[in-house]
N, C-alpha and C. Protein backbone atom coordinates (compact mmCIF):
# COMPACT_ATOMS: atom_id res chain seq x y z
N ILE A 1 33.76 20.89 -40.89
CA ILE A 1 34.34 19.55 -40.75
C ILE A 1 33.21 18.54 -40.94
N ARG A 2 33.53 17.52 -41.71
CA ARG A 2 32.53 16.51 -42.02
C ARG A 2 32.83 15.22 -41.23
N HIS A 3 31.80 14.75 -40.51
CA HIS A 3 31.96 13.53 -39.73
C HIS A 3 31.32 12.37 -40.48
N GLU A 4 32.05 11.32 -40.61
CA GLU A 4 31.51 10.14 -41.27
C GLU A 4 30.99 9.17 -40.22
N ALA A 5 29.92 8.49 -40.56
CA ALA A 5 29.33 7.53 -39.63
C ALA A 5 30.24 6.33 -39.45
N VAL A 6 30.43 5.96 -38.18
CA VAL A 6 31.29 4.82 -37.88
C VAL A 6 30.42 3.57 -37.87
N VAL A 7 30.80 2.60 -38.66
CA VAL A 7 30.05 1.36 -38.75
C VAL A 7 30.60 0.40 -37.70
N SER A 8 29.70 -0.19 -36.91
CA SER A 8 30.11 -1.12 -35.87
C SER A 8 30.63 -2.41 -36.51
N THR A 9 31.82 -2.82 -36.06
CA THR A 9 32.39 -4.05 -36.61
C THR A 9 31.83 -5.28 -35.91
N GLN A 10 31.26 -5.09 -34.72
CA GLN A 10 30.73 -6.23 -33.98
C GLN A 10 29.51 -6.83 -34.66
N SER A 11 28.72 -6.02 -35.34
CA SER A 11 27.52 -6.54 -35.98
C SER A 11 27.87 -7.45 -37.16
N THR A 12 29.05 -7.23 -37.78
CA THR A 12 29.45 -8.06 -38.91
C THR A 12 30.15 -9.34 -38.45
N ARG A 13 30.71 -9.33 -37.22
CA ARG A 13 31.41 -10.53 -36.72
C ARG A 13 30.41 -11.62 -36.32
N ASP A 14 30.96 -12.82 -36.23
CA ASP A 14 30.10 -13.92 -35.77
C ASP A 14 29.96 -13.84 -34.24
N PRO A 15 28.87 -14.33 -33.70
CA PRO A 15 28.60 -14.20 -32.27
C PRO A 15 29.64 -14.87 -31.37
N GLU A 16 30.27 -15.93 -31.86
CA GLU A 16 31.27 -16.63 -31.04
C GLU A 16 32.48 -15.73 -30.79
N ALA A 17 32.87 -15.00 -31.81
CA ALA A 17 34.03 -14.11 -31.66
C ALA A 17 33.71 -12.99 -30.66
N VAL A 18 32.49 -12.50 -30.71
CA VAL A 18 32.08 -11.45 -29.77
C VAL A 18 32.12 -11.98 -28.34
N LEU A 19 31.63 -13.22 -28.14
CA LEU A 19 31.63 -13.81 -26.81
C LEU A 19 33.05 -14.04 -26.29
N LYS A 20 33.95 -14.47 -27.17
CA LYS A 20 35.35 -14.69 -26.77
C LYS A 20 35.99 -13.38 -26.33
N LYS A 21 35.75 -12.33 -27.11
CA LYS A 21 36.33 -11.03 -26.79
C LYS A 21 35.78 -10.52 -25.45
N ARG A 22 34.49 -10.72 -25.24
CA ARG A 22 33.85 -10.30 -23.98
C ARG A 22 34.45 -11.07 -22.80
N ALA A 23 34.68 -12.37 -22.97
CA ALA A 23 35.26 -13.19 -21.90
C ALA A 23 36.68 -12.73 -21.57
N LYS A 24 37.47 -12.39 -22.60
CA LYS A 24 38.83 -11.89 -22.38
C LYS A 24 38.82 -10.59 -21.58
N LYS A 25 37.91 -9.68 -21.99
CA LYS A 25 37.82 -8.39 -21.29
C LYS A 25 37.42 -8.60 -19.84
N ARG A 26 36.48 -9.51 -19.59
CA ARG A 26 36.02 -9.78 -18.22
C ARG A 26 37.15 -10.36 -17.38
N ALA A 27 37.90 -11.31 -17.96
CA ALA A 27 39.02 -11.91 -17.22
C ALA A 27 40.06 -10.85 -16.86
N LYS A 28 40.34 -9.96 -17.79
CA LYS A 28 41.31 -8.89 -17.56
C LYS A 28 40.82 -7.95 -16.45
N TYR A 29 39.54 -7.63 -16.50
CA TYR A 29 38.94 -6.73 -15.51
C TYR A 29 38.97 -7.36 -14.12
N ILE A 30 38.63 -8.66 -14.01
CA ILE A 30 38.64 -9.34 -12.71
C ILE A 30 40.06 -9.45 -12.17
N ALA A 31 41.04 -9.71 -13.07
CA ALA A 31 42.44 -9.77 -12.64
C ALA A 31 42.87 -8.42 -12.05
N LYS A 32 42.42 -7.33 -12.66
CA LYS A 32 42.76 -6.00 -12.17
C LYS A 32 42.13 -5.75 -10.79
N LEU A 33 40.88 -6.20 -10.62
CA LEU A 33 40.21 -6.04 -9.33
C LEU A 33 40.92 -6.84 -8.23
N VAL A 34 41.37 -8.05 -8.57
CA VAL A 34 42.09 -8.89 -7.60
C VAL A 34 43.41 -8.21 -7.24
N GLU A 35 44.07 -7.66 -8.23
CA GLU A 35 45.36 -6.99 -8.01
C GLU A 35 45.19 -5.77 -7.10
N ASP A 36 44.11 -5.03 -7.29
CA ASP A 36 43.85 -3.84 -6.47
C ASP A 36 43.33 -4.20 -5.08
N GLY A 37 42.95 -5.47 -4.88
CA GLY A 37 42.45 -5.92 -3.58
C GLY A 37 40.97 -5.61 -3.37
N LYS A 38 40.26 -5.35 -4.45
CA LYS A 38 38.84 -5.03 -4.32
C LYS A 38 37.96 -6.28 -4.20
N ILE A 39 38.42 -7.42 -4.73
CA ILE A 39 37.69 -8.67 -4.55
C ILE A 39 38.66 -9.76 -4.13
N ASP A 40 38.14 -10.75 -3.40
CA ASP A 40 38.96 -11.87 -2.93
C ASP A 40 38.59 -13.10 -3.75
N PRO A 41 39.54 -13.65 -4.53
CA PRO A 41 39.20 -14.81 -5.38
C PRO A 41 38.85 -16.07 -4.59
N THR A 42 39.23 -16.15 -3.31
CA THR A 42 38.91 -17.35 -2.53
C THR A 42 37.44 -17.36 -2.10
N LYS A 43 36.85 -16.17 -1.96
CA LYS A 43 35.43 -16.10 -1.55
C LYS A 43 34.56 -16.01 -2.80
N PRO A 44 33.46 -16.77 -2.85
CA PRO A 44 32.58 -16.69 -4.02
C PRO A 44 31.80 -15.36 -4.04
N VAL A 45 31.50 -14.91 -5.23
CA VAL A 45 30.72 -13.69 -5.40
C VAL A 45 29.25 -14.04 -5.12
N PRO A 46 28.59 -13.27 -4.25
CA PRO A 46 27.18 -13.60 -3.94
C PRO A 46 26.28 -13.40 -5.15
N LYS A 47 25.26 -14.26 -5.23
CA LYS A 47 24.29 -14.16 -6.33
C LYS A 47 23.39 -12.95 -6.08
N PRO A 48 22.90 -12.31 -7.15
CA PRO A 48 21.98 -11.19 -6.93
C PRO A 48 20.66 -11.66 -6.32
N ASP A 49 20.05 -10.78 -5.56
CA ASP A 49 18.80 -11.09 -4.87
C ASP A 49 17.69 -11.38 -5.88
N PRO A 50 17.02 -12.55 -5.82
CA PRO A 50 15.96 -12.85 -6.79
C PRO A 50 14.73 -11.94 -6.64
N GLU A 51 14.56 -11.35 -5.45
CA GLU A 51 13.41 -10.47 -5.23
C GLU A 51 13.74 -9.01 -5.58
N ARG A 52 14.87 -8.82 -6.21
CA ARG A 52 15.35 -7.48 -6.53
C ARG A 52 14.38 -6.71 -7.42
N TRP A 53 13.65 -7.42 -8.27
CA TRP A 53 12.79 -6.76 -9.25
C TRP A 53 11.36 -6.59 -8.76
N ILE A 54 11.06 -7.13 -7.56
CA ILE A 54 9.73 -6.98 -6.98
C ILE A 54 9.72 -5.67 -6.18
N PRO A 55 8.62 -4.94 -6.18
CA PRO A 55 8.56 -3.71 -5.38
C PRO A 55 8.88 -4.00 -3.91
N ARG A 56 9.51 -3.07 -3.25
CA ARG A 56 10.00 -3.28 -1.89
C ARG A 56 8.89 -3.68 -0.92
N SER A 57 7.71 -3.11 -1.09
CA SER A 57 6.62 -3.42 -0.16
C SER A 57 6.09 -4.83 -0.32
N HIS A 58 6.40 -5.50 -1.43
CA HIS A 58 5.90 -6.85 -1.69
C HIS A 58 6.93 -7.93 -1.37
N ARG A 59 8.16 -7.53 -1.06
CA ARG A 59 9.21 -8.52 -0.83
C ARG A 59 9.01 -9.24 0.49
N ALA A 60 9.51 -10.47 0.55
CA ALA A 60 9.33 -11.31 1.73
C ALA A 60 10.08 -10.76 2.94
N TYR A 61 11.26 -10.18 2.72
CA TYR A 61 12.06 -9.74 3.85
C TYR A 61 11.71 -8.32 4.30
N GLY A 62 10.88 -7.60 3.57
CA GLY A 62 10.51 -6.25 3.98
C GLY A 62 9.22 -6.26 4.76
N LYS A 63 9.13 -7.08 5.78
CA LYS A 63 7.87 -7.30 6.48
C LYS A 63 7.45 -6.11 7.33
N ARG A 64 8.39 -5.27 7.68
CA ARG A 64 8.08 -4.17 8.60
C ARG A 64 7.08 -3.18 7.98
N GLY A 65 7.29 -2.82 6.73
CA GLY A 65 6.43 -1.83 6.11
C GLY A 65 5.36 -2.42 5.23
N ARG A 66 5.18 -3.74 5.29
CA ARG A 66 4.24 -4.39 4.37
C ARG A 66 2.94 -4.69 5.07
N LYS A 67 1.84 -4.45 4.40
CA LYS A 67 0.53 -4.79 4.96
C LYS A 67 0.16 -6.19 4.47
N ARG A 68 -0.28 -7.01 5.37
CA ARG A 68 -0.62 -8.38 5.02
C ARG A 68 -1.91 -8.44 4.21
N ASN A 69 -2.02 -9.40 3.33
CA ASN A 69 -3.21 -9.66 2.52
C ASN A 69 -3.70 -8.42 1.79
N LYS A 70 -2.78 -7.68 1.23
CA LYS A 70 -3.14 -6.43 0.58
C LYS A 70 -3.91 -6.69 -0.72
N PHE A 71 -3.57 -7.76 -1.42
CA PHE A 71 -4.16 -8.00 -2.73
C PHE A 71 -5.05 -9.24 -2.72
N VAL A 72 -5.81 -9.41 -1.65
CA VAL A 72 -6.70 -10.56 -1.53
C VAL A 72 -8.12 -10.06 -1.78
N SER A 73 -8.98 -10.93 -2.27
CA SER A 73 -10.35 -10.52 -2.58
C SER A 73 -11.10 -10.15 -1.30
N ALA A 74 -12.40 -9.94 -1.39
CA ALA A 74 -13.23 -9.42 -0.31
C ALA A 74 -12.96 -10.13 1.01
N GLN A 75 -12.78 -9.34 2.05
CA GLN A 75 -12.44 -9.89 3.36
C GLN A 75 -13.70 -10.03 4.21
N GLY A 76 -13.67 -10.94 5.13
CA GLY A 76 -14.74 -11.08 6.12
C GLY A 76 -16.09 -11.34 5.50
N SER A 77 -16.31 -12.51 4.97
CA SER A 77 -17.56 -12.79 4.28
C SER A 77 -18.63 -13.30 5.25
N GLY A 78 -18.64 -12.80 6.47
CA GLY A 78 -19.60 -13.24 7.48
C GLY A 78 -21.02 -13.01 7.01
N ASP A 79 -21.76 -12.17 7.71
CA ASP A 79 -23.15 -11.90 7.35
C ASP A 79 -23.25 -10.59 6.58
N GLY A 80 -22.11 -9.91 6.38
CA GLY A 80 -22.11 -8.61 5.72
C GLY A 80 -22.63 -8.68 4.30
N ALA A 81 -22.27 -9.70 3.57
CA ALA A 81 -22.69 -9.82 2.18
C ALA A 81 -24.21 -10.03 2.10
N ASN A 82 -24.73 -10.79 3.04
CA ASN A 82 -26.17 -11.04 3.08
C ASN A 82 -26.92 -9.74 3.38
N LYS A 83 -26.38 -8.94 4.31
CA LYS A 83 -27.01 -7.66 4.65
C LYS A 83 -27.03 -6.73 3.44
N ASP A 84 -25.92 -6.72 2.70
CA ASP A 84 -25.85 -5.87 1.51
C ASP A 84 -26.88 -6.27 0.47
N THR A 85 -27.06 -7.57 0.28
CA THR A 85 -28.04 -8.00 -0.71
C THR A 85 -29.45 -7.64 -0.27
N LEU A 86 -29.73 -7.73 1.04
CA LEU A 86 -31.05 -7.34 1.54
C LEU A 86 -31.28 -5.84 1.37
N LYS A 87 -30.20 -5.08 1.58
CA LYS A 87 -30.29 -3.63 1.46
C LYS A 87 -30.61 -3.21 0.03
N LEU A 88 -30.08 -3.97 -0.94
CA LEU A 88 -30.25 -3.63 -2.34
C LEU A 88 -31.52 -4.23 -2.95
N ASP A 89 -32.16 -5.17 -2.25
CA ASP A 89 -33.35 -5.83 -2.78
C ASP A 89 -34.57 -4.95 -2.53
N ALA A 90 -35.07 -4.27 -3.57
CA ALA A 90 -36.16 -3.31 -3.44
C ALA A 90 -37.47 -3.99 -3.04
N HIS A 91 -37.73 -5.17 -3.60
CA HIS A 91 -38.97 -5.88 -3.31
C HIS A 91 -39.03 -6.27 -1.83
N ALA A 92 -37.92 -6.81 -1.34
CA ALA A 92 -37.88 -7.23 0.06
C ALA A 92 -38.01 -6.02 0.99
N LYS A 93 -37.43 -4.89 0.60
CA LYS A 93 -37.50 -3.68 1.40
C LYS A 93 -38.95 -3.19 1.49
N ALA A 94 -39.65 -3.17 0.35
CA ALA A 94 -41.03 -2.73 0.32
C ALA A 94 -41.91 -3.67 1.15
N GLN A 95 -41.65 -4.97 1.07
CA GLN A 95 -42.42 -5.96 1.82
C GLN A 95 -42.22 -5.75 3.32
N ALA A 96 -40.99 -5.48 3.74
CA ALA A 96 -40.69 -5.27 5.16
C ALA A 96 -41.40 -4.03 5.67
N LYS A 97 -41.45 -2.98 4.85
CA LYS A 97 -42.12 -1.75 5.22
C LYS A 97 -43.63 -1.99 5.39
N LYS A 98 -44.18 -2.77 4.47
CA LYS A 98 -45.61 -3.08 4.51
C LYS A 98 -45.94 -3.89 5.77
N ASP A 99 -45.10 -4.89 6.10
CA ASP A 99 -45.30 -5.71 7.29
C ASP A 99 -45.22 -4.86 8.56
N LEU A 100 -44.34 -3.89 8.58
CA LEU A 100 -44.18 -3.02 9.72
C LEU A 100 -45.42 -2.17 9.95
N LEU A 101 -46.00 -1.68 8.85
CA LEU A 101 -47.21 -0.86 8.95
C LEU A 101 -48.40 -1.68 9.42
N VAL A 102 -48.48 -2.95 9.01
CA VAL A 102 -49.60 -3.81 9.39
C VAL A 102 -49.52 -4.18 10.86
N THR A 103 -48.36 -4.55 11.36
CA THR A 103 -48.21 -5.03 12.74
C THR A 103 -48.24 -3.89 13.75
N LYS A 104 -47.75 -2.72 13.41
CA LYS A 104 -47.66 -1.61 14.36
C LYS A 104 -48.87 -0.69 14.20
N PRO A 105 -49.68 -0.50 15.26
CA PRO A 105 -50.82 0.40 15.15
C PRO A 105 -50.34 1.85 15.06
N LEU A 106 -51.01 2.59 14.20
CA LEU A 106 -50.62 3.99 14.02
C LEU A 106 -51.21 4.84 15.14
N ILE A 107 -50.36 5.57 15.83
CA ILE A 107 -50.79 6.48 16.89
C ILE A 107 -50.48 7.89 16.41
N PRO A 108 -51.42 8.77 16.47
CA PRO A 108 -51.15 10.14 16.05
C PRO A 108 -50.01 10.74 16.89
N PRO A 109 -49.18 11.58 16.29
CA PRO A 109 -48.01 12.09 17.00
C PRO A 109 -48.34 12.83 18.28
N GLY A 110 -49.48 13.49 18.37
CA GLY A 110 -49.81 14.25 19.58
C GLY A 110 -50.19 13.37 20.75
N LEU A 111 -50.63 12.13 20.50
CA LEU A 111 -51.10 11.25 21.56
C LEU A 111 -50.07 10.19 21.96
N ALA A 112 -48.84 10.36 21.54
CA ALA A 112 -47.82 9.37 21.86
C ALA A 112 -47.61 9.27 23.35
N ILE A 113 -47.47 8.08 23.87
CA ILE A 113 -47.33 7.84 25.31
C ILE A 113 -45.91 8.25 25.73
N GLY A 114 -45.84 8.93 26.87
CA GLY A 114 -44.54 9.31 27.40
C GLY A 114 -44.01 10.60 26.83
N LYS A 115 -44.69 11.23 25.93
CA LYS A 115 -44.22 12.49 25.36
C LYS A 115 -44.97 13.64 26.04
N ARG A 116 -44.25 14.63 26.43
CA ARG A 116 -44.88 15.80 27.01
C ARG A 116 -44.78 16.95 26.02
N GLY A 117 -45.86 17.63 25.79
CA GLY A 117 -45.84 18.73 24.85
C GLY A 117 -45.56 20.06 25.54
N GLY A 118 -45.29 21.04 24.77
CA GLY A 118 -45.12 22.39 25.30
C GLY A 118 -43.67 22.70 25.63
N LYS A 119 -43.47 23.99 25.97
CA LYS A 119 -42.12 24.47 26.30
C LYS A 119 -41.84 24.23 27.78
N ARG A 120 -40.62 23.88 28.10
CA ARG A 120 -40.22 23.69 29.50
C ARG A 120 -39.21 24.75 29.86
N ARG A 121 -39.33 25.20 31.11
CA ARG A 121 -38.36 26.22 31.57
C ARG A 121 -37.61 25.73 32.75
C-alpha cells in the first residue's frame, strides 16, 4: 500500500482565516466546558503565575527551601581579604620572617627555659 504525503492546507491559507478558525474552535470548546459544569463563566479565569518559568528555589513564594543571597558576590569583606593578600605576598612574608629572626634571640633547643629533658615515669 502506498501512502501519499498529506499537504497542510493551513500553510496555504492567510493568517486571518487561521485565527478565525482557531477562535471558533476555542468558543465551541469553552461552551462545552460550561455545559459540562467544568468552568463557571461568571468567575474570571486566573492568570498563569509569572514566576512559573523560574526555578522553584529562586521563586519569591518558595522561601522555605531557598537560601538567601545565593548568587551574590564575595561575602563578608571585613579584614579577610587583607589577610589573604598578606598571605600571598611573598616579599612581605620573607620580610616578616627576617624581622622575627632579628628581634628574637636564638636559644639552642637543649637550653630552652622550662623544658625538662629525659624520660619520665
